[in-house]
């Protein structure tokens, strides 16, 4: 009889210990399964949150301010200092955003002009014989230059492009560039 009671107690203890020991194993196993799942879904959520903001920044030109004249630098250069007879000068006009933030500026042919002068005499303008220019509004990143090159055929020009126009003579000339109402410093060159 005592043996039977001990057997029943041992059986109850074994069942109880087996279930309670199985229960902690099942518990952490069930707890640990969602934990990686939750932590792996967290970066995905952050990634999805980052995507809309990057797509917002790609549409940033709508909210990017216009460049002021103080934010940009306009520079004109020549491809030589002296040009022999029959060699046409090429001018490069560069606009650079010198600020620390992006801004918008029209750098199209409608906004830009190159002008050649000799002393106080206007010799040639890139606007005179070209059709009405077009706008080209660009998002200028800090310190990223935007350049255009123009060849001058060594002749005078006037607004409306009346022809014929005389050839420029040997001498010293200056070329300046303009974007909107922002003017560059002159670059000096000579024709021989």
C-alpha atoms as a PDB file:
ATOM      1  CA  UNK A   1       0.000   0.000   0.000  1.00  0.00           C
ATOM      2  CA  UNK A   2       2.808   2.356   0.930  1.00  0.00           C
ATOM      3  CA  UNK A   3       4.478   1.401  -2.303  1.00  0.00           C
ATOM      4  CA  UNK A   4       1.326   2.300  -4.228  1.00  0.00           C
ATOM      5  CA  UNK A   5       1.101   5.707  -2.500  1.00  0.00           C
ATOM      6  CA  UNK A   6       4.757   6.410  -3.265  1.00  0.00           C
ATOM      7  CA  UNK A   7       4.195   5.361  -6.858  1.00  0.00           C
ATOM      8  CA  UNK A   8       1.217   7.735  -7.181  1.00  0.00           C
ATOM      9  CA  UNK A   9       3.214  10.607  -5.595  1.00  0.00           C
ATOM     10  CA  UNK A  10       6.159   9.904  -7.866  1.00  0.00           C
ATOM     11  CA  UNK A  11       3.857   9.771 -10.903  1.00  0.00           C
ATOM     12  CA  UNK A  12       2.181  13.063  -9.916  1.00  0.00           C
ATOM     13  CA  UNK A  13       5.581  14.650  -9.281  1.00  0.00           C
ATOM     14  CA  UNK A  14       6.899  13.371 -12.616  1.00  0.00           C
ATOM     15  CA  UNK A  15       3.855  14.682 -14.507  1.00  0.00           C
ATOM     16  CA  UNK A  16       3.994  18.014 -12.724  1.00  0.00           C
ATOM     17  CA  UNK A  17       7.786  18.406 -13.135  1.00  0.00           C
ATOM     18  CA  UNK A  18       7.630  17.309 -16.779  1.00  0.00           C
ATOM     19  CA  UNK A  19       4.898  19.835 -17.638  1.00  0.00           C
ATOM     20  CA  UNK A  20       6.410  22.661 -15.670  1.00  0.00           C
ATOM     21  CA  UNK A  21       9.854  22.029 -17.171  1.00  0.00           C
ATOM     22  CA  UNK A  22       8.281  21.809 -20.658  1.00  0.00           C
ATOM     23  CA  UNK A  23       6.429  25.015 -20.029  1.00  0.00           C
ATOM     24  CA  UNK A  24       9.522  27.194 -19.512  1.00  0.00           C
ATOM     25  CA  UNK A  25      11.065  25.686 -22.632  1.00  0.00           C
ATOM     26  CA  UNK A  26       7.956  26.441 -24.617  1.00  0.00           C
ATOM     27  CA  UNK A  27       7.747  29.932 -23.109  1.00  0.00           C
ATOM     28  CA  UNK A  28      11.177  31.250 -24.138  1.00  0.00           C
ATOM     29  CA  UNK A  29      10.887  29.492 -27.451  1.00  0.00           C
ATOM     30  CA  UNK A  30       7.613  31.269 -28.134  1.00  0.00           C
ATOM     31  CA  UNK A  31       8.974  34.531 -26.725  1.00  0.00           C
ATOM     32  CA  UNK A  32      12.194  34.333 -28.683  1.00  0.00           C
ATOM     33  CA  UNK A  33      10.389  33.668 -31.969  1.00  0.00           C
ATOM     34  CA  UNK A  34       8.490  36.989 -32.013  1.00  0.00           C
ATOM     35  CA  UNK A  35      11.504  38.921 -30.733  1.00  0.00           C
ATOM     36  CA  UNK A  36      13.657  38.445 -33.859  1.00  0.00           C
ATOM     37  CA  UNK A  37      10.567  38.967 -35.945  1.00  0.00           C
ATOM     38  CA  UNK A  38       9.835  42.276 -34.202  1.00  0.00           C
ATOM     39  CA  UNK A  39      13.440  43.461 -34.348  1.00  0.00           C
ATOM     40  CA  UNK A  40      13.739  42.484 -38.011  1.00  0.00           C
ATOM     41  CA  UNK A  41      10.549  44.346 -38.828  1.00  0.00           C
ATOM     42  CA  UNK A  42      11.809  47.480 -37.035  1.00  0.00           C
ATOM     43  CA  UNK A  43      14.591  48.219 -39.563  1.00  0.00           C
ATOM     44  CA  UNK A  44      12.121  47.570 -42.364  1.00  0.00           C
ATOM     45  CA  UNK A  45       9.806  50.154 -40.885  1.00  0.00           C
ATOM     46  CA  UNK A  46      12.679  52.622 -40.521  1.00  0.00           C
ATOM     47  CA  UNK A  47      13.704  51.903 -44.076  1.00  0.00           C
ATOM     48  CA  UNK A  48      10.189  52.587 -45.309  1.00  0.00           C
ATOM     49  CA  UNK A  49      10.160  55.790 -43.294  1.00  0.00           C
ATOM     50  CA  UNK A  50      13.430  56.828 -44.917  1.00  0.00           C
ATOM     51  CA  UNK A  51      12.121  56.138 -48.421  1.00  0.00           C
ATOM     52  CA  UNK A  52       9.334  58.723 -48.338  1.00  0.00           C
ATOM     53  CA  UNK A  53      11.746  61.333 -47.032  1.00  0.00           C
ATOM     54  CA  UNK A  54      14.215  60.540 -49.819  1.00  0.00           C
ATOM     55  CA  UNK A  55      11.433  60.768 -52.372  1.00  0.00           C
ATOM     56  CA  UNK A  56      10.458  64.074 -50.765  1.00  0.00           C
ATOM     57  CA  UNK A  57      14.013  65.303 -51.189  1.00  0.00           C
ATOM     58  CA  UNK A  58      13.962  64.262 -54.850  1.00  0.00           C
ATOM     59  CA  UNK A  59      10.950  66.528 -55.295  1.00  0.00           C
ATOM     60  CA  UNK A  60      12.799  69.225 -53.336  1.00  0.00           C
ATOM     61  CA  UNK A  61      13.161  71.575 -56.332  1.00  0.00           C
ATOM     62  CA  UNK A  62       9.588  72.676 -55.570  1.00  0.00           C
ATOM     63  CA  UNK A  63      10.746  73.890 -52.155  1.00  0.00           C
ATOM     64  CA  UNK A  64      14.361  74.783 -52.988  1.00  0.00           C
ATOM     65  CA  UNK A  65      14.796  78.582 -52.895  1.00  0.00           C
ATOM     66  CA  UNK A  66      16.046  80.621 -55.837  1.00  0.00           C
ATOM     67  CA  UNK A  67      19.753  81.511 -55.838  1.00  0.00           C
ATOM     68  CA  UNK A  68      20.406  85.123 -54.970  1.00  0.00           C
ATOM     69  CA  UNK A  69      23.214  87.003 -56.689  1.00  0.00           C
ATOM     70  CA  UNK A  70      25.170  86.774 -53.422  1.00  0.00           C
ATOM     71  CA  UNK A  71      24.989  82.954 -53.538  1.00  0.00           C
ATOM     72  CA  UNK A  72      26.474  82.527 -57.001  1.00  0.00           C
ATOM     73  CA  UNK A  73      29.758  83.298 -58.686  1.00  0.00           C
ATOM     74  CA  UNK A  74      29.912  84.051 -62.425  1.00  0.00           C
ATOM     75  CA  UNK A  75      33.246  83.647 -64.217  1.00  0.00           C
ATOM     76  CA  UNK A  76      34.162  83.934 -67.903  1.00  0.00           C
ATOM     77  CA  UNK A  77      37.416  82.572 -69.312  1.00  0.00           C
ATOM     78  CA  UNK A  78      39.033  82.472 -72.756  1.00  0.00           C
ATOM     79  CA  UNK A  79      40.765  79.446 -74.268  1.00  0.00           C
ATOM     80  CA  UNK A  80      43.824  81.608 -75.095  1.00  0.00           C
ATOM     81  CA  UNK A  81      45.192  85.047 -74.313  1.00  0.00           C
ATOM     82  CA  UNK A  82      46.175  85.875 -77.876  1.00  0.00           C
ATOM     83  CA  UNK A  83      44.511  84.725 -81.107  1.00  0.00           C
ATOM     84  CA  UNK A  84      46.311  84.652 -84.422  1.00  0.00           C
ATOM     85  CA  UNK A  85      44.506  85.801 -87.574  1.00  0.00           C
ATOM     86  CA  UNK A  86      41.803  83.331 -88.565  1.00  0.00           C
ATOM     87  CA  UNK A  87      41.560  81.728 -85.091  1.00  0.00           C
ATOM     88  CA  UNK A  88      38.192  82.230 -83.390  1.00  0.00           C
ATOM     89  CA  UNK A  89      38.148  82.734 -79.619  1.00  0.00           C
ATOM     90  CA  UNK A  90      36.103  80.342 -77.469  1.00  0.00           C
ATOM     91  CA  UNK A  91      34.675  81.688 -74.236  1.00  0.00           C
ATOM     92  CA  UNK A  92      33.568  79.527 -71.305  1.00  0.00           C
ATOM     93  CA  UNK A  93      31.043  80.969 -68.895  1.00  0.00           C
ATOM     94  CA  UNK A  94      30.694  79.234 -65.530  1.00  0.00           C
ATOM     95  CA  UNK A  95      28.089  79.735 -62.809  1.00  0.00           C
ATOM     96  CA  UNK A  96      28.793  78.241 -59.368  1.00  0.00           C
ATOM     97  CA  UNK A  97      26.681  78.139 -56.224  1.00  0.00           C
ATOM     98  CA  UNK A  98      29.116  79.340 -53.537  1.00  0.00           C
ATOM     99  CA  UNK A  99      26.667  78.941 -50.644  1.00  0.00           C
ATOM    100  CA  UNK A 100      26.323  75.890 -48.400  1.00  0.00           C
ATOM    101  CA  UNK A 101      22.796  74.979 -49.550  1.00  0.00           C
ATOM    102  CA  UNK A 102      21.227  74.029 -52.898  1.00  0.00           C
ATOM    103  CA  UNK A 103      19.348  76.731 -54.761  1.00  0.00           C
ATOM    104  CA  UNK A 104      17.596  77.211 -58.106  1.00  0.00           C
ATOM    105  CA  UNK A 105      18.905  79.397 -60.946  1.00  0.00           C
ATOM    106  CA  UNK A 106      18.009  79.817 -64.604  1.00  0.00           C
ATOM    107  CA  UNK A 107      21.208  79.092 -66.536  1.00  0.00           C
ATOM    108  CA  UNK A 108      19.541  78.794 -69.947  1.00  0.00           C
ATOM    109  CA  UNK A 109      20.353  80.828 -73.036  1.00  0.00           C
ATOM    110  CA  UNK A 110      17.539  83.255 -72.194  1.00  0.00           C
ATOM    111  CA  UNK A 111      19.259  84.214 -68.932  1.00  0.00           C
ATOM    112  CA  UNK A 112      22.909  84.159 -70.042  1.00  0.00           C
ATOM    113  CA  UNK A 113      24.791  86.541 -72.317  1.00  0.00           C
ATOM    114  CA  UNK A 114      28.420  87.008 -73.329  1.00  0.00           C
ATOM    115  CA  UNK A 115      29.522  90.446 -74.492  1.00  0.00           C
ATOM    116  CA  UNK A 116      32.782  91.527 -76.150  1.00  0.00           C
ATOM    117  CA  UNK A 117      33.891  95.137 -75.783  1.00  0.00           C
ATOM    118  CA  UNK A 118      36.877  97.248 -76.766  1.00  0.00           C
ATOM    119  CA  UNK A 119      37.226 100.153 -74.369  1.00  0.00           C
ATOM    120  CA  UNK A 120      33.727 101.661 -74.193  1.00  0.00           C
ATOM    121  CA  UNK A 121      32.660 100.206 -77.560  1.00  0.00           C
ATOM    122  CA  UNK A 122      30.307  97.250 -77.617  1.00  0.00           C
ATOM    123  CA  UNK A 123      31.613  94.858 -80.286  1.00  0.00           C
ATOM    124  CA  UNK A 124      29.539  91.678 -80.039  1.00  0.00           C
ATOM    125  CA  UNK A 125      26.879  89.958 -77.949  1.00  0.00           C
ATOM    126  CA  UNK A 126      25.866  86.300 -77.935  1.00  0.00           C
ATOM    127  CA  UNK A 127      22.221  87.451 -77.823  1.00  0.00           C
ATOM    128  CA  UNK A 128      22.289  89.548 -81.006  1.00  0.00           C
ATOM    129  CA  UNK A 129      22.128  86.855 -83.666  1.00  0.00           C
ATOM    130  CA  UNK A 130      20.574  83.984 -81.726  1.00  0.00           C
ATOM    131  CA  UNK A 131      16.867  83.208 -81.635  1.00  0.00           C
ATOM    132  CA  UNK A 132      15.100  83.974 -78.360  1.00  0.00           C
ATOM    133  CA  UNK A 133      16.720  81.791 -75.738  1.00  0.00           C
ATOM    134  CA  UNK A 134      15.096  79.195 -73.554  1.00  0.00           C
ATOM    135  CA  UNK A 135      14.957  78.872 -69.775  1.00  0.00           C
ATOM    136  CA  UNK A 136      16.918  76.134 -68.045  1.00  0.00           C
ATOM    137  CA  UNK A 137      16.229  76.322 -64.307  1.00  0.00           C
ATOM    138  CA  UNK A 138      18.592  74.015 -62.463  1.00  0.00           C
ATOM    139  CA  UNK A 139      19.128  72.978 -58.878  1.00  0.00           C
ATOM    140  CA  UNK A 140      22.669  74.156 -58.225  1.00  0.00           C
ATOM    141  CA  UNK A 141      24.408  72.123 -55.536  1.00  0.00           C
ATOM    142  CA  UNK A 142      27.045  73.841 -53.394  1.00  0.00           C
ATOM    143  CA  UNK A 143      30.335  74.335 -55.278  1.00  0.00           C
ATOM    144  CA  UNK A 144      29.079  72.489 -58.363  1.00  0.00           C
ATOM    145  CA  UNK A 145      29.833  74.568 -61.495  1.00  0.00           C
ATOM    146  CA  UNK A 146      27.587  74.770 -64.552  1.00  0.00           C
ATOM    147  CA  UNK A 147      29.394  75.873 -67.722  1.00  0.00           C
ATOM    148  CA  UNK A 148      28.626  76.809 -71.309  1.00  0.00           C
ATOM    149  CA  UNK A 149      31.131  77.456 -74.122  1.00  0.00           C
ATOM    150  CA  UNK A 150      30.553  79.896 -76.993  1.00  0.00           C
ATOM    151  CA  UNK A 151      32.719  80.538 -80.063  1.00  0.00           C
ATOM    152  CA  UNK A 152      33.001  84.112 -81.327  1.00  0.00           C
ATOM    153  CA  UNK A 153      33.468  84.528 -85.089  1.00  0.00           C
ATOM    154  CA  UNK A 154      35.482  87.765 -84.683  1.00  0.00           C
ATOM    155  CA  UNK A 155      32.778  90.019 -86.148  1.00  0.00           C
ATOM    156  CA  UNK A 156      30.754  92.928 -84.822  1.00  0.00           C
ATOM    157  CA  UNK A 157      27.072  92.351 -84.061  1.00  0.00           C
ATOM    158  CA  UNK A 158      24.015  94.406 -83.215  1.00  0.00           C
ATOM    159  CA  UNK A 159      20.596  93.578 -81.746  1.00  0.00           C
ATOM    160  CA  UNK A 160      18.403  92.087 -84.464  1.00  0.00           C
ATOM    161  CA  UNK A 161      21.493  90.790 -86.273  1.00  0.00           C
ATOM    162  CA  UNK A 162      21.674  93.146 -89.260  1.00  0.00           C
ATOM    163  CA  UNK A 163      24.178  91.977 -91.842  1.00  0.00           C
ATOM    164  CA  UNK A 164      26.803  92.378 -93.049  1.00  0.00           C
ATOM    165  CA  UNK A 165      28.852  93.406 -90.011  1.00  0.00           C
ATOM    166  CA  UNK A 166      32.537  94.355 -90.090  1.00  0.00           C
ATOM    167  CA  UNK A 167      35.278  92.100 -88.786  1.00  0.00           C
ATOM    168  CA  UNK A 168      36.938  92.947 -85.487  1.00  0.00           C
ATOM    169  CA  UNK A 169      40.391  94.428 -85.950  1.00  0.00           C
ATOM    170  CA  UNK A 170      43.634  93.503 -84.235  1.00  0.00           C
ATOM    171  CA  UNK A 171      43.740  94.806 -80.692  1.00  0.00           C
ATOM    172  CA  UNK A 172      42.838  94.149 -77.066  1.00  0.00           C
ATOM    173  CA  UNK A 173      39.334  93.127 -76.097  1.00  0.00           C
ATOM    174  CA  UNK A 174      37.387  92.140 -73.036  1.00  0.00           C
ATOM    175  CA  UNK A 175      34.614  89.587 -72.645  1.00  0.00           C
ATOM    176  CA  UNK A 176      32.126  89.550 -69.792  1.00  0.00           C
ATOM    177  CA  UNK A 177      29.412  87.068 -68.908  1.00  0.00           C
ATOM    178  CA  UNK A 178      25.995  87.677 -67.387  1.00  0.00           C
ATOM    179  CA  UNK A 179      23.416  85.345 -65.829  1.00  0.00           C
ATOM    180  CA  UNK A 180      20.266  87.282 -65.089  1.00  0.00           C
ATOM    181  CA  UNK A 181      21.598  90.482 -63.591  1.00  0.00           C
ATOM    182  CA  UNK A 182      24.711  88.867 -62.116  1.00  0.00           C
ATOM    183  CA  UNK A 183      27.769  90.058 -64.055  1.00  0.00           C
ATOM    184  CA  UNK A 184      31.210  88.439 -64.198  1.00  0.00           C
ATOM    185  CA  UNK A 185      34.505  90.234 -64.071  1.00  0.00           C
ATOM    186  CA  UNK A 186      35.960  90.832 -67.555  1.00  0.00           C
ATOM    187  CA  UNK A 187      38.525  88.531 -69.161  1.00  0.00           C
ATOM    188  CA  UNK A 188      41.060  90.280 -71.404  1.00  0.00           C
ATOM    189  CA  UNK A 189      42.397  88.837 -74.675  1.00  0.00           C
ATOM    190  CA  UNK A 190      44.031  90.029 -77.890  1.00  0.00           C
ATOM    191  CA  UNK A 191      43.443  89.527 -81.606  1.00  0.00           C
ATOM    192  CA  UNK A 192      46.451  89.732 -83.930  1.00  0.00           C
END
